[in-house]
Amino acid sequence: MSVTILDQLEDKIKQAVETIQLLQLEVEELKGKNEEANRANETLRQEHEQLKAEHQGFQERLRSLLGQIDNV
C-alpha cells in the first residue's frame, strides 16, 4: 500500500513540476508582452503630447487671426 501511495505522490509531484514550468514560461511570455505594451503606450503618450502642442499652436494662431479680423 505504501508503494502505491508513493507512486501517486510521485505522479502528483511530477504534474505539479510540469505545471509550474508551464506557468513560468507563461509568466515570461506575459512579461515580454507587457514590456511591448509599455513601449507602445509611451510612444502614444509622446504622440499625444506632440498633438496637444500642435493643437495649442493652432488655437493661438486662430485667435491671432481672429484678433486681426476684429481690428479691421
N, C-alpha and C. Protein backbone atom coordinates (compact mmCIF):
# COMPACT_ATOMS: atom_id res chain seq x y z
N MET A 1 0.82 -1.19 0.00
CA MET A 1 0.00 0.00 0.00
C MET A 1 0.86 1.25 0.00
N SER A 2 1.92 1.25 0.74
CA SER A 2 2.76 2.44 0.82
C SER A 2 3.45 2.71 -0.50
N VAL A 3 3.72 1.68 -1.30
CA VAL A 3 4.33 1.86 -2.60
C VAL A 3 3.35 2.57 -3.53
N THR A 4 2.09 2.17 -3.45
CA THR A 4 1.05 2.79 -4.27
C THR A 4 0.90 4.26 -3.91
N ILE A 5 0.91 4.55 -2.66
CA ILE A 5 0.79 5.94 -2.20
C ILE A 5 1.99 6.75 -2.67
N LEU A 6 3.18 6.16 -2.58
CA LEU A 6 4.38 6.86 -3.04
C LEU A 6 4.34 7.08 -4.55
N ASP A 7 3.82 6.11 -5.29
CA ASP A 7 3.68 6.27 -6.74
C ASP A 7 2.71 7.41 -7.06
N GLN A 8 1.61 7.45 -6.33
CA GLN A 8 0.63 8.53 -6.55
C GLN A 8 1.23 9.89 -6.21
N LEU A 9 1.96 9.91 -5.11
CA LEU A 9 2.61 11.15 -4.70
C LEU A 9 3.63 11.60 -5.74
N GLU A 10 4.40 10.64 -6.26
CA GLU A 10 5.38 10.96 -7.29
C GLU A 10 4.70 11.53 -8.54
N ASP A 11 3.60 10.91 -8.95
CA ASP A 11 2.86 11.41 -10.12
C ASP A 11 2.35 12.83 -9.88
N LYS A 12 1.83 13.07 -8.71
CA LYS A 12 1.32 14.41 -8.40
C LYS A 12 2.44 15.44 -8.38
N ILE A 13 3.59 15.05 -7.84
CA ILE A 13 4.73 15.96 -7.81
C ILE A 13 5.20 16.27 -9.23
N LYS A 14 5.25 15.24 -10.08
CA LYS A 14 5.65 15.45 -11.47
C LYS A 14 4.67 16.40 -12.18
N GLN A 15 3.39 16.19 -11.94
CA GLN A 15 2.38 17.07 -12.54
C GLN A 15 2.54 18.51 -12.03
N ALA A 16 2.81 18.63 -10.74
CA ALA A 16 2.99 19.97 -10.16
C ALA A 16 4.21 20.66 -10.76
N VAL A 17 5.29 19.92 -10.93
CA VAL A 17 6.51 20.48 -11.52
C VAL A 17 6.26 20.92 -12.96
N GLU A 18 5.56 20.09 -13.73
CA GLU A 18 5.23 20.44 -15.12
C GLU A 18 4.36 21.69 -15.17
N THR A 19 3.38 21.75 -14.28
CA THR A 19 2.50 22.92 -14.23
C THR A 19 3.29 24.17 -13.88
N ILE A 20 4.17 24.07 -12.93
CA ILE A 20 5.00 25.21 -12.53
C ILE A 20 5.87 25.66 -13.69
N GLN A 21 6.47 24.71 -14.41
CA GLN A 21 7.31 25.07 -15.55
C GLN A 21 6.51 25.77 -16.64
N LEU A 22 5.32 25.26 -16.92
CA LEU A 22 4.46 25.90 -17.92
C LEU A 22 4.06 27.30 -17.49
N LEU A 23 3.74 27.44 -16.22
CA LEU A 23 3.36 28.76 -15.71
C LEU A 23 4.53 29.73 -15.75
N GLN A 24 5.73 29.24 -15.49
CA GLN A 24 6.91 30.11 -15.57
C GLN A 24 7.12 30.58 -17.00
N LEU A 25 6.94 29.69 -17.97
CA LEU A 25 7.04 30.10 -19.37
C LEU A 25 5.99 31.14 -19.72
N GLU A 26 4.78 30.92 -19.22
CA GLU A 26 3.70 31.87 -19.49
C GLU A 26 4.00 33.23 -18.86
N VAL A 27 4.55 33.22 -17.66
CA VAL A 27 4.91 34.48 -16.98
C VAL A 27 5.94 35.23 -17.81
N GLU A 28 6.96 34.53 -18.31
CA GLU A 28 7.99 35.19 -19.13
C GLU A 28 7.38 35.76 -20.41
N GLU A 29 6.49 35.00 -21.02
CA GLU A 29 5.84 35.49 -22.23
C GLU A 29 5.01 36.74 -21.94
N LEU A 30 4.29 36.71 -20.83
CA LEU A 30 3.47 37.86 -20.46
C LEU A 30 4.32 39.07 -20.09
N LYS A 31 5.47 38.84 -19.48
CA LYS A 31 6.38 39.94 -19.17
C LYS A 31 6.83 40.62 -20.46
N GLY A 32 7.15 39.81 -21.47
CA GLY A 32 7.56 40.37 -22.77
C GLY A 32 6.44 41.17 -23.41
N LYS A 33 5.23 40.63 -23.35
CA LYS A 33 4.09 41.35 -23.92
C LYS A 33 3.83 42.64 -23.16
N ASN A 34 4.02 42.59 -21.84
CA ASN A 34 3.82 43.78 -21.02
C ASN A 34 4.84 44.87 -21.36
N GLU A 35 6.09 44.46 -21.55
CA GLU A 35 7.13 45.43 -21.92
C GLU A 35 6.81 46.05 -23.28
N GLU A 36 6.35 45.22 -24.20
CA GLU A 36 5.98 45.72 -25.53
C GLU A 36 4.82 46.71 -25.43
N ALA A 37 3.84 46.38 -24.61
CA ALA A 37 2.69 47.27 -24.42
C ALA A 37 3.13 48.58 -23.76
N ASN A 38 4.06 48.50 -22.82
CA ASN A 38 4.56 49.71 -22.16
C ASN A 38 5.28 50.61 -23.16
N ARG A 39 6.06 50.01 -24.07
CA ARG A 39 6.75 50.81 -25.09
C ARG A 39 5.74 51.48 -26.02
N ALA A 40 4.72 50.72 -26.42
CA ALA A 40 3.68 51.28 -27.29
C ALA A 40 2.94 52.40 -26.58
N ASN A 41 2.67 52.20 -25.30
CA ASN A 41 1.98 53.22 -24.51
C ASN A 41 2.82 54.49 -24.43
N GLU A 42 4.11 54.35 -24.21
CA GLU A 42 4.98 55.52 -24.12
C GLU A 42 5.03 56.26 -25.45
N THR A 43 5.08 55.51 -26.55
CA THR A 43 5.07 56.12 -27.87
C THR A 43 3.78 56.92 -28.07
N LEU A 44 2.66 56.34 -27.67
CA LEU A 44 1.37 57.03 -27.82
C LEU A 44 1.30 58.26 -26.91
N ARG A 45 1.87 58.17 -25.73
CA ARG A 45 1.88 59.34 -24.84
C ARG A 45 2.68 60.49 -25.46
N GLN A 46 3.82 60.15 -26.05
CA GLN A 46 4.64 61.18 -26.68
C GLN A 46 3.90 61.79 -27.87
N GLU A 47 3.26 60.95 -28.66
CA GLU A 47 2.49 61.45 -29.80
C GLU A 47 1.34 62.34 -29.33
N HIS A 48 0.70 61.94 -28.26
CA HIS A 48 -0.40 62.74 -27.69
C HIS A 48 0.10 64.12 -27.26
N GLU A 49 1.24 64.16 -26.59
CA GLU A 49 1.79 65.44 -26.15
C GLU A 49 2.13 66.32 -27.35
N GLN A 50 2.69 65.71 -28.38
CA GLN A 50 3.02 66.46 -29.60
C GLN A 50 1.75 67.03 -30.24
N LEU A 51 0.71 66.21 -30.31
CA LEU A 51 -0.55 66.67 -30.90
C LEU A 51 -1.20 67.76 -30.05
N LYS A 52 -1.08 67.64 -28.74
CA LYS A 52 -1.62 68.69 -27.87
C LYS A 52 -0.90 70.01 -28.12
N ALA A 53 0.42 69.95 -28.27
CA ALA A 53 1.20 71.16 -28.52
C ALA A 53 0.82 71.76 -29.88
N GLU A 54 0.65 70.92 -30.90
CA GLU A 54 0.23 71.41 -32.21
C GLU A 54 -1.15 72.05 -32.12
N HIS A 55 -2.04 71.42 -31.41
CA HIS A 55 -3.40 71.94 -31.25
C HIS A 55 -3.38 73.30 -30.58
N GLN A 56 -2.57 73.43 -29.55
CA GLN A 56 -2.47 74.70 -28.84
C GLN A 56 -1.90 75.77 -29.78
N GLY A 57 -0.92 75.39 -30.59
CA GLY A 57 -0.36 76.34 -31.56
C GLY A 57 -1.40 76.79 -32.57
N PHE A 58 -2.21 75.86 -33.04
CA PHE A 58 -3.28 76.22 -33.99
C PHE A 58 -4.28 77.16 -33.34
N GLN A 59 -4.62 76.88 -32.10
CA GLN A 59 -5.57 77.75 -31.39
C GLN A 59 -5.00 79.16 -31.24
N GLU A 60 -3.75 79.27 -30.89
CA GLU A 60 -3.14 80.58 -30.73
C GLU A 60 -3.10 81.33 -32.06
N ARG A 61 -2.75 80.64 -33.13
CA ARG A 61 -2.75 81.29 -34.46
C ARG A 61 -4.15 81.73 -34.84
N LEU A 62 -5.14 80.89 -34.57
CA LEU A 62 -6.52 81.23 -34.90
C LEU A 62 -6.98 82.44 -34.10
N ARG A 63 -6.65 82.48 -32.83
CA ARG A 63 -7.02 83.65 -32.00
C ARG A 63 -6.36 84.93 -32.54
N SER A 64 -5.10 84.79 -32.95
CA SER A 64 -4.39 85.92 -33.51
C SER A 64 -5.05 86.41 -34.78
N LEU A 65 -5.40 85.47 -35.66
CA LEU A 65 -6.07 85.85 -36.90
C LEU A 65 -7.44 86.47 -36.66
N LEU A 66 -8.17 85.91 -35.71
CA LEU A 66 -9.47 86.49 -35.37
C LEU A 66 -9.32 87.88 -34.78
N GLY A 67 -8.26 88.06 -33.99
CA GLY A 67 -7.99 89.39 -33.44
C GLY A 67 -7.69 90.39 -34.54
N GLN A 68 -6.97 89.96 -35.56
CA GLN A 68 -6.66 90.84 -36.69
C GLN A 68 -7.93 91.20 -37.46
N ILE A 69 -8.82 90.23 -37.59
CA ILE A 69 -10.08 90.50 -38.29
C ILE A 69 -10.91 91.50 -37.50
N ASP A 70 -10.92 91.35 -36.18
CA ASP A 70 -11.68 92.27 -35.35
C ASP A 70 -11.13 93.70 -35.46
N ASN A 71 -9.84 93.82 -35.67
CA ASN A 71 -9.23 95.14 -35.78
C ASN A 71 -9.54 95.81 -37.11
N VAL A 72 -10.00 95.05 -38.09
CA VAL A 72 -10.28 95.61 -39.42
C VAL A 72 -11.63 96.21 -39.48
